[in-house]
Amino acid sequence: MRQVIADLSASRIREVANAGLGREDVLAFWFGESDEVTPAGVRAAAQASIEAGETFYAHNLGLPALREALAAYISSLHRPLGADRVAVTSSGVSALMLAQQALVDAGDEVVAVVPVWPNLTAQPAILGARVRRVSLHPRHGAWTLDLDELLAAITPATRVLIVNAPNNPTGWTLQRAEIEAILAHCRRTGTWIVSDEVYERLYFADGAVAAPSFLDVAEPEDRLLVVHSFSKSFLMTGWRLGSLVAPVPMIEQLGKLIEFNTSCAPVFVQRAGLAALAAAPQSVPALQAHLRCCRDTLVGALQGLPRVEVALPAGAMYAFLRVEGESDSLAFAKRLVHDQGLGLAPGVAFGDEGQGWLRWCFASQHPQRLLQGVERLERALKL
């Protein structure tokens, strides 16, 4: 066993969830997924594919129809791009790992904006890279980027910059001027950007259809890989379907990497993805509006509690909060499960920068369930 693998931390979210196993009374908000099932039309498309006998290998890069549909969908949100820049992957996390495998050698320097879902910093570390963390800064519960600090950290020695915006766990979102500055700086340093944009449609600015993206401003030849996923905006976490946007010369190479990782995404899952994209003009805005209601319900209730610090997140589907006097987020999260039946993710799961914070997933089919959770937190605060 390589030492870097032995040194990987087990999921602290799973550690908290395991503490509540077997308890039907737990209100669980710890995982990053909605409690709503995949829409019926998407499930029916997969079932029809299986019934039609589509149980064989597909092209490494995905079904041509799905690549074309993804290109059209992404182009409708950002600058136009062709299917020759799109690779279909077996999940968003697979796309992220493929990006790192394509770019990172042992000993390379990688800069990551944190706190962030731990897979994004673990992946380059697994490949032997040195990961340098640049933290967002909390101000009155809202997390913000010191742009000058980030740009100073990116030098010609920086092989890859990893950015996740809208951000898991904080909800922080890049603005267009920041994207332009980062892209211009990385062009000067020769640094590749890996942008995790799986939450781009879960963005709550008035009138916006998607969060600001590097694809709004980048040229096709820029050193940029953008990761998307069907998990969040299409309620398809269990399907494991994602995609990568990359410069055309990289796509064939990514196809080789996919062969050595998963060979291809299952055809019936890709058919489900096609159905999800076809329904997107109606389904995604409806989900966005519902999650905005969930966000406002939860954060409004939390802001009414004593000792709780939380801000309205601009994007994603998480409230990131801290409670005065509770500095050990893992111990506090376990206590909430044990004593109150409230399941939240400990902030330290996203790096030391999140210590003392808790992540609450507000993607709930029934907002009233969120208020029940707030009542349980309030009981804990009174003890």
Protein backbone atom coordinates (compact mmCIF):
# COMPACT_ATOMS: atom_id res chain seq x y z
CA MET A 1 0.00 0.00 0.00
CA ARG A 2 1.37 3.42 -0.96
CA GLN A 3 1.84 5.61 2.09
CA VAL A 4 -0.16 8.47 0.56
CA ILE A 5 -3.18 6.13 0.39
CA ALA A 6 -2.70 4.94 3.95
CA ASP A 7 -2.54 8.59 5.05
CA LEU A 8 -5.85 9.56 3.43
CA SER A 9 -8.47 10.58 5.96
CA ALA A 10 -11.69 8.62 6.03
CA SER A 11 -14.81 10.67 5.40
CA ARG A 12 -15.78 12.57 8.53
CA ILE A 13 -19.25 13.01 7.10
CA ARG A 14 -19.57 9.24 6.98
CA GLU A 15 -18.21 9.09 10.52
CA VAL A 16 -21.08 11.26 11.73
CA ALA A 17 -23.62 9.38 9.60
CA ASN A 18 -22.40 6.07 11.02
CA ALA A 19 -23.16 7.42 14.49
CA GLY A 20 -26.82 7.61 13.47
CA LEU A 21 -27.11 4.26 11.72
CA GLY A 22 -30.26 2.33 12.54
CA ARG A 23 -32.06 5.34 14.02
CA GLU A 24 -35.28 6.14 12.20
CA ASP A 25 -35.75 9.35 14.19
CA VAL A 26 -32.72 11.12 12.71
CA LEU A 27 -33.33 14.08 10.42
CA ALA A 28 -30.39 13.67 8.05
CA PHE A 29 -29.00 16.70 6.22
CA TRP A 30 -25.38 15.52 6.08
CA PHE A 31 -25.00 14.26 2.51
CA GLY A 32 -24.86 16.49 -0.55
CA GLU A 33 -28.00 15.31 -2.29
CA SER A 34 -31.69 16.05 -2.44
CA ASP A 35 -34.15 13.72 -0.74
CA GLU A 36 -36.23 13.87 -3.95
CA VAL A 37 -36.03 10.96 -6.39
CA THR A 38 -34.93 11.30 -10.02
CA PRO A 39 -37.85 12.47 -12.23
CA ALA A 40 -40.00 9.74 -13.74
CA GLY A 41 -39.18 10.60 -17.35
CA VAL A 42 -35.47 10.18 -16.70
CA ARG A 43 -35.99 6.84 -14.99
CA ALA A 44 -38.26 5.69 -17.84
CA ALA A 45 -35.57 6.49 -20.43
CA ALA A 46 -33.09 4.25 -18.63
CA GLN A 47 -35.65 1.48 -18.30
CA ALA A 48 -36.47 1.68 -22.01
CA SER A 49 -32.79 1.46 -22.88
CA ILE A 50 -32.34 -1.67 -20.76
CA GLU A 51 -35.46 -3.24 -22.27
CA ALA A 52 -34.06 -2.48 -25.73
CA GLY A 53 -30.94 -4.45 -24.84
CA GLU A 54 -28.51 -1.52 -24.67
CA THR A 55 -26.24 -3.32 -22.24
CA PHE A 56 -22.97 -3.21 -24.17
CA TYR A 57 -19.92 -0.94 -24.21
CA ALA A 58 -20.22 2.58 -25.56
CA HIS A 59 -17.59 4.91 -27.01
CA ASN A 60 -15.02 6.00 -24.43
CA LEU A 61 -16.05 9.64 -24.84
CA GLY A 62 -19.77 8.94 -24.65
CA LEU A 63 -22.70 8.56 -27.01
CA PRO A 64 -22.45 11.10 -29.86
CA ALA A 65 -26.04 12.16 -29.17
CA LEU A 66 -25.25 12.91 -25.54
CA ARG A 67 -22.08 14.81 -26.39
CA GLU A 68 -24.06 16.91 -28.88
CA ALA A 69 -26.83 17.53 -26.34
CA LEU A 70 -24.32 18.52 -23.65
CA ALA A 71 -22.59 20.90 -26.03
CA ALA A 72 -25.92 22.52 -26.92
CA TYR A 73 -26.93 22.75 -23.26
CA ILE A 74 -23.61 24.28 -22.15
CA SER A 75 -23.65 26.66 -25.14
CA SER A 76 -27.11 27.89 -24.11
CA LEU A 77 -25.65 28.99 -20.78
CA HIS A 78 -22.22 30.24 -21.86
CA ARG A 79 -20.17 30.87 -25.01
CA PRO A 80 -20.82 28.40 -27.86
CA LEU A 81 -18.77 25.22 -27.98
CA GLY A 82 -18.87 22.04 -30.04
CA ALA A 83 -19.29 18.41 -29.07
CA ASP A 84 -15.61 17.90 -29.91
CA ARG A 85 -14.81 19.65 -26.63
CA VAL A 86 -17.03 17.42 -24.47
CA ALA A 87 -16.24 14.06 -22.84
CA VAL A 88 -18.88 12.05 -20.99
CA THR A 89 -17.67 10.53 -17.71
CA SER A 90 -18.92 8.08 -15.12
CA SER A 91 -19.74 10.80 -12.55
CA GLY A 92 -18.49 14.26 -11.80
CA VAL A 93 -15.92 12.91 -9.35
CA SER A 94 -14.53 10.68 -12.11
CA ALA A 95 -14.25 13.76 -14.34
CA LEU A 96 -12.31 15.54 -11.61
CA MET A 97 -9.91 12.62 -11.20
CA LEU A 98 -9.44 12.33 -14.96
CA ALA A 99 -8.54 16.02 -15.08
CA GLN A 100 -5.88 15.54 -12.43
CA GLN A 101 -4.53 12.39 -14.10
CA ALA A 102 -4.27 14.27 -17.38
CA LEU A 103 -2.35 17.21 -15.90
CA VAL A 104 -0.47 16.32 -12.72
CA ASP A 105 2.87 14.60 -12.24
CA ALA A 106 4.39 13.62 -8.90
CA GLY A 107 6.04 16.67 -7.37
CA ASP A 108 3.90 19.22 -9.22
CA GLU A 109 2.46 22.16 -7.31
CA VAL A 110 -1.32 22.46 -7.20
CA VAL A 111 -3.17 25.43 -5.66
CA ALA A 112 -6.71 24.87 -4.35
CA VAL A 113 -9.27 27.35 -3.06
CA VAL A 114 -10.60 25.98 0.24
CA PRO A 115 -12.59 24.94 2.24
CA VAL A 116 -13.77 22.50 -0.37
CA TRP A 117 -15.14 19.00 -0.81
CA PRO A 118 -12.14 16.89 0.24
CA ASN A 119 -11.92 14.84 -2.97
CA LEU A 120 -10.67 17.88 -4.87
CA THR A 121 -7.52 18.21 -2.76
CA ALA A 122 -7.05 14.47 -2.17
CA GLN A 123 -6.98 13.61 -5.87
CA PRO A 124 -3.78 15.51 -6.76
CA ALA A 125 -2.21 14.35 -3.49
CA ILE A 126 -2.87 10.74 -4.49
CA LEU A 127 -0.91 11.43 -7.68
CA GLY A 128 2.02 12.79 -5.67
CA ALA A 129 1.40 16.50 -6.15
CA ARG A 130 2.06 19.14 -3.50
CA VAL A 131 -1.23 20.87 -2.69
CA ARG A 132 -1.12 24.47 -1.53
CA ARG A 133 -4.32 25.68 0.10
CA VAL A 134 -5.61 29.24 -0.25
CA SER A 135 -8.50 29.85 2.10
CA LEU A 136 -11.64 31.84 1.65
CA HIS A 137 -12.30 34.16 4.59
CA PRO A 138 -15.52 34.26 6.64
CA ARG A 139 -17.03 37.66 7.39
CA HIS A 140 -20.31 37.63 9.31
CA GLY A 141 -20.91 34.09 8.07
CA ALA A 142 -20.27 34.86 4.39
CA TRP A 143 -17.12 33.45 2.81
CA THR A 144 -15.16 35.71 0.49
CA LEU A 145 -12.08 35.45 -1.70
CA ASP A 146 -9.00 37.62 -1.24
CA LEU A 147 -8.19 37.82 -4.95
CA ASP A 148 -4.75 39.31 -4.41
CA GLU A 149 -3.86 36.49 -2.02
CA LEU A 150 -4.92 33.87 -4.56
CA LEU A 151 -3.08 35.46 -7.46
CA ALA A 152 0.08 35.78 -5.37
CA ALA A 153 -0.09 32.05 -4.65
CA ILE A 154 -0.23 31.15 -8.35
CA THR A 155 3.25 31.33 -9.88
CA PRO A 156 4.92 29.82 -12.97
CA ALA A 157 5.67 26.84 -10.70
CA THR A 158 1.92 26.20 -10.24
CA ARG A 159 0.80 23.42 -12.56
CA VAL A 160 -2.92 23.46 -11.70
CA LEU A 161 -5.40 25.73 -9.95
CA ILE A 162 -8.49 24.01 -8.53
CA VAL A 163 -11.60 26.12 -8.04
CA ASN A 164 -15.08 24.99 -7.01
CA ALA A 165 -17.73 27.69 -7.45
CA PRO A 166 -20.51 27.71 -6.44
CA ASN A 167 -18.67 26.20 -3.56
CA ASN A 168 -19.31 23.13 -1.47
CA PRO A 169 -19.57 23.74 1.51
CA THR A 170 -19.75 27.54 1.79
CA GLY A 171 -21.97 28.61 -1.12
CA TRP A 172 -19.33 31.16 -2.16
CA THR A 173 -19.49 32.02 -5.87
CA LEU A 174 -16.98 33.69 -8.17
CA GLN A 175 -17.96 36.91 -9.88
CA ARG A 176 -17.15 37.58 -13.53
CA ALA A 177 -14.46 40.18 -12.78
CA GLU A 178 -12.70 37.66 -10.51
CA ILE A 179 -12.91 34.99 -13.19
CA GLU A 180 -11.40 37.33 -15.75
CA ALA A 181 -8.55 38.26 -13.41
CA ILE A 182 -7.79 34.64 -12.51
CA LEU A 183 -7.85 33.52 -16.15
CA ALA A 184 -5.57 36.36 -17.25
CA HIS A 185 -3.11 35.59 -14.45
CA CYS A 186 -3.08 31.85 -15.22
CA ARG A 187 -2.41 32.63 -18.87
CA ARG A 188 0.69 34.54 -17.78
CA THR A 189 1.92 31.78 -15.46
CA GLY A 190 1.02 28.90 -17.78
CA THR A 191 -1.21 27.37 -15.09
CA TRP A 192 -4.06 25.01 -15.94
CA ILE A 193 -7.43 25.72 -14.32
CA VAL A 194 -9.66 22.84 -13.22
CA SER A 195 -13.03 24.41 -12.48
CA ASP A 196 -15.62 22.31 -10.65
CA GLU A 197 -18.92 23.86 -11.74
CA VAL A 198 -21.33 21.08 -10.80
CA TYR A 199 -23.53 23.57 -8.87
CA GLU A 200 -23.65 26.21 -11.60
CA ARG A 201 -27.44 25.98 -12.03
CA LEU A 202 -28.05 26.10 -8.27
CA TYR A 203 -27.43 29.84 -8.21
CA PHE A 204 -29.85 32.27 -6.65
CA ALA A 205 -29.06 35.74 -8.00
CA ASP A 206 -32.21 37.41 -9.33
CA GLY A 207 -32.67 36.74 -13.02
CA ALA A 208 -29.62 34.51 -13.37
CA VAL A 209 -29.89 31.17 -15.16
CA ALA A 210 -26.43 29.99 -14.10
CA ALA A 211 -23.52 31.11 -11.95
CA PRO A 212 -20.63 32.98 -13.57
CA SER A 213 -18.34 30.50 -15.31
CA PHE A 214 -14.88 30.36 -16.81
CA LEU A 215 -16.68 29.25 -19.97
CA ASP A 216 -18.21 32.74 -20.19
CA VAL A 217 -14.83 34.31 -20.93
CA ALA A 218 -12.31 31.61 -21.92
CA GLU A 219 -11.07 30.92 -25.43
CA PRO A 220 -11.23 27.35 -26.78
CA GLU A 221 -7.44 26.98 -26.55
CA ASP A 222 -7.15 28.19 -22.96
CA ARG A 223 -5.66 25.83 -20.38
CA LEU A 224 -9.04 25.15 -18.83
CA LEU A 225 -10.97 22.01 -17.89
CA VAL A 226 -14.52 22.45 -16.59
CA VAL A 227 -16.35 19.68 -14.77
CA HIS A 228 -20.12 19.24 -14.81
CA SER A 229 -22.36 16.60 -13.28
CA PHE A 230 -25.91 15.35 -13.66
CA SER A 231 -26.07 14.71 -9.90
CA LYS A 232 -27.23 18.02 -8.48
CA SER A 233 -29.32 19.98 -11.01
CA PHE A 234 -30.98 16.84 -12.40
CA LEU A 235 -31.48 14.90 -9.12
CA MET A 236 -29.30 12.04 -10.38
CA THR A 237 -26.71 11.47 -7.65
CA GLY A 238 -26.94 7.69 -7.77
CA TRP A 239 -26.62 7.47 -11.55
CA ARG A 240 -22.94 8.53 -11.63
CA LEU A 241 -22.90 10.62 -14.80
CA GLY A 242 -20.77 13.67 -15.49
CA SER A 243 -18.84 15.48 -18.18
CA LEU A 244 -15.65 17.36 -18.92
CA VAL A 245 -15.16 20.37 -21.18
CA ALA A 246 -11.57 20.63 -22.43
CA PRO A 247 -9.55 22.00 -25.35
CA VAL A 248 -10.06 19.88 -28.48
CA PRO A 249 -6.49 18.46 -28.54
CA MET A 250 -7.04 17.01 -25.05
CA ILE A 251 -10.28 15.18 -25.76
CA GLU A 252 -8.72 12.21 -27.54
CA GLN A 253 -6.21 11.87 -24.70
CA LEU A 254 -9.05 11.97 -22.18
CA GLY A 255 -10.71 9.16 -24.11
CA LYS A 256 -7.62 7.04 -23.49
CA LEU A 257 -7.74 7.85 -19.79
CA ILE A 258 -11.42 6.95 -19.59
CA GLU A 259 -10.56 3.58 -21.12
CA PHE A 260 -8.08 2.93 -18.31
CA ASN A 261 -10.50 4.10 -15.59
CA THR A 262 -14.05 3.03 -16.41
CA SER A 263 -13.99 2.29 -20.19
CA CYS A 264 -17.25 4.21 -20.65
CA ALA A 265 -20.43 5.32 -18.96
CA PRO A 266 -23.26 2.75 -19.24
CA VAL A 267 -25.49 3.35 -22.25
CA PHE A 268 -28.74 3.24 -20.24
CA VAL A 269 -27.35 5.87 -17.86
CA GLN A 270 -26.43 8.06 -20.84
CA ARG A 271 -29.97 7.66 -22.20
CA ALA A 272 -31.22 8.90 -18.84
CA GLY A 273 -28.88 11.88 -19.20
CA LEU A 274 -30.34 12.67 -22.61
CA ALA A 275 -33.84 12.65 -21.12
CA ALA A 276 -32.69 14.93 -18.30
CA LEU A 277 -31.23 17.43 -20.76
CA ALA A 278 -34.40 17.38 -22.86
CA ALA A 279 -36.46 18.22 -19.77
CA ALA A 280 -33.98 20.81 -18.46
CA PRO A 281 -35.77 23.97 -19.71
CA GLN A 282 -38.64 23.15 -17.34
CA SER A 283 -37.10 20.98 -14.63
CA VAL A 284 -34.00 22.97 -13.74
CA PRO A 285 -35.64 26.39 -13.20
CA ALA A 286 -38.31 24.68 -11.10
CA LEU A 287 -35.66 22.99 -8.97
CA GLN A 288 -33.71 26.25 -8.67
CA ALA A 289 -36.82 28.08 -7.46
CA HIS A 290 -37.64 25.32 -4.99
CA LEU A 291 -34.11 25.28 -3.56
CA ARG A 292 -34.15 29.06 -3.24
CA CYS A 293 -37.29 28.68 -1.12
CA CYS A 294 -35.56 25.98 0.94
CA ARG A 295 -32.50 28.18 1.39
CA ASP A 296 -34.52 31.18 2.51
CA THR A 297 -36.61 29.06 4.88
CA LEU A 298 -33.62 27.43 6.54
CA VAL A 299 -31.29 30.42 6.75
CA GLY A 300 -34.05 32.73 7.93
CA ALA A 301 -34.86 30.33 10.77
CA LEU A 302 -31.20 29.82 11.67
CA GLN A 303 -30.56 33.55 11.79
CA GLY A 304 -33.22 33.80 14.46
CA LEU A 305 -31.32 31.50 16.84
CA PRO A 306 -28.94 32.84 19.49
CA ARG A 307 -25.21 32.10 19.07
CA VAL A 308 -25.65 31.01 15.42
CA GLU A 309 -23.65 32.70 12.68
CA VAL A 310 -24.81 32.02 9.13
CA ALA A 311 -25.13 33.97 5.91
CA LEU A 312 -27.38 33.53 2.89
CA PRO A 313 -25.34 31.47 0.38
CA ALA A 314 -25.22 32.74 -3.19
CA GLY A 315 -25.19 29.26 -4.69
CA ALA A 316 -25.01 25.48 -4.20
CA MET A 317 -27.38 23.82 -1.69
CA TYR A 318 -25.75 24.24 1.68
CA ALA A 319 -25.95 26.55 4.65
CA PHE A 320 -22.55 26.81 6.37
CA LEU A 321 -22.98 27.85 9.98
CA ARG A 322 -21.16 27.99 13.25
CA VAL A 323 -22.33 28.12 16.84
CA GLU A 324 -20.57 30.30 19.35
CA GLY A 325 -18.69 28.18 21.86
CA GLU A 326 -18.55 25.05 19.67
CA SER A 327 -15.04 24.86 18.22
CA ASP A 328 -14.88 21.10 17.53
CA SER A 329 -17.26 20.54 14.62
CA LEU A 330 -16.87 16.75 14.56
CA ALA A 331 -17.65 16.34 18.24
CA PHE A 332 -20.55 18.80 18.01
CA ALA A 333 -22.02 17.04 14.95
CA LYS A 334 -21.84 13.67 16.73
CA ARG A 335 -23.51 15.16 19.78
CA LEU A 336 -26.32 16.59 17.68
CA VAL A 337 -26.97 13.15 16.20
CA HIS A 338 -26.85 11.37 19.54
CA ASP A 339 -28.80 13.86 21.62
CA GLN A 340 -31.18 15.50 19.13
CA GLY A 341 -31.40 13.21 16.11
CA LEU A 342 -30.09 16.00 13.87
CA GLY A 343 -27.62 14.98 11.17
CA LEU A 344 -25.27 17.69 9.89
CA ALA A 345 -21.84 17.48 8.25
CA PRO A 346 -18.87 18.68 10.32
CA GLY A 347 -17.02 21.57 8.73
CA VAL A 348 -13.64 19.98 9.42
CA ALA A 349 -14.57 17.36 6.79
CA PHE A 350 -13.77 20.08 4.24
CA GLY A 351 -10.37 20.92 5.69
CA ASP A 352 -9.00 22.62 8.76
CA GLU A 353 -10.39 25.89 7.41
CA GLY A 354 -13.90 24.59 8.14
CA GLN A 355 -13.21 23.59 11.74
CA GLY A 356 -15.91 24.93 14.02
CA TRP A 357 -18.47 25.10 11.21
CA LEU A 358 -21.33 22.79 10.19
CA ARG A 359 -22.74 22.15 6.71
CA TRP A 360 -26.50 21.78 6.38
CA CYS A 361 -27.85 20.51 3.03
CA PHE A 362 -31.14 22.27 2.40
CA ALA A 363 -32.12 20.26 -0.72
CA SER A 364 -35.32 18.91 0.80
CA GLN A 365 -38.55 18.05 -0.95
CA HIS A 366 -40.44 19.38 2.08
CA PRO A 367 -39.14 22.69 3.54
CA GLN A 368 -41.09 21.98 6.73
CA ARG A 369 -38.56 19.24 7.43
CA LEU A 370 -35.85 21.91 7.55
CA LEU A 371 -37.78 23.80 10.22
CA GLN A 372 -38.08 20.61 12.27
CA GLY A 373 -34.31 20.37 12.12
CA VAL A 374 -33.95 23.98 13.30
CA GLU A 375 -36.18 23.16 16.28
CA ARG A 376 -33.82 20.33 17.21
CA LEU A 377 -30.80 22.59 16.93
CA GLU A 378 -32.55 25.16 19.11
CA ARG A 379 -33.13 22.50 21.77
CA ALA A 380 -29.42 21.67 21.69
CA LEU A 381 -28.50 25.34 22.16
CA LYS A 382 -30.64 25.55 25.29
CA LEU A 383 -28.82 22.70 27.05
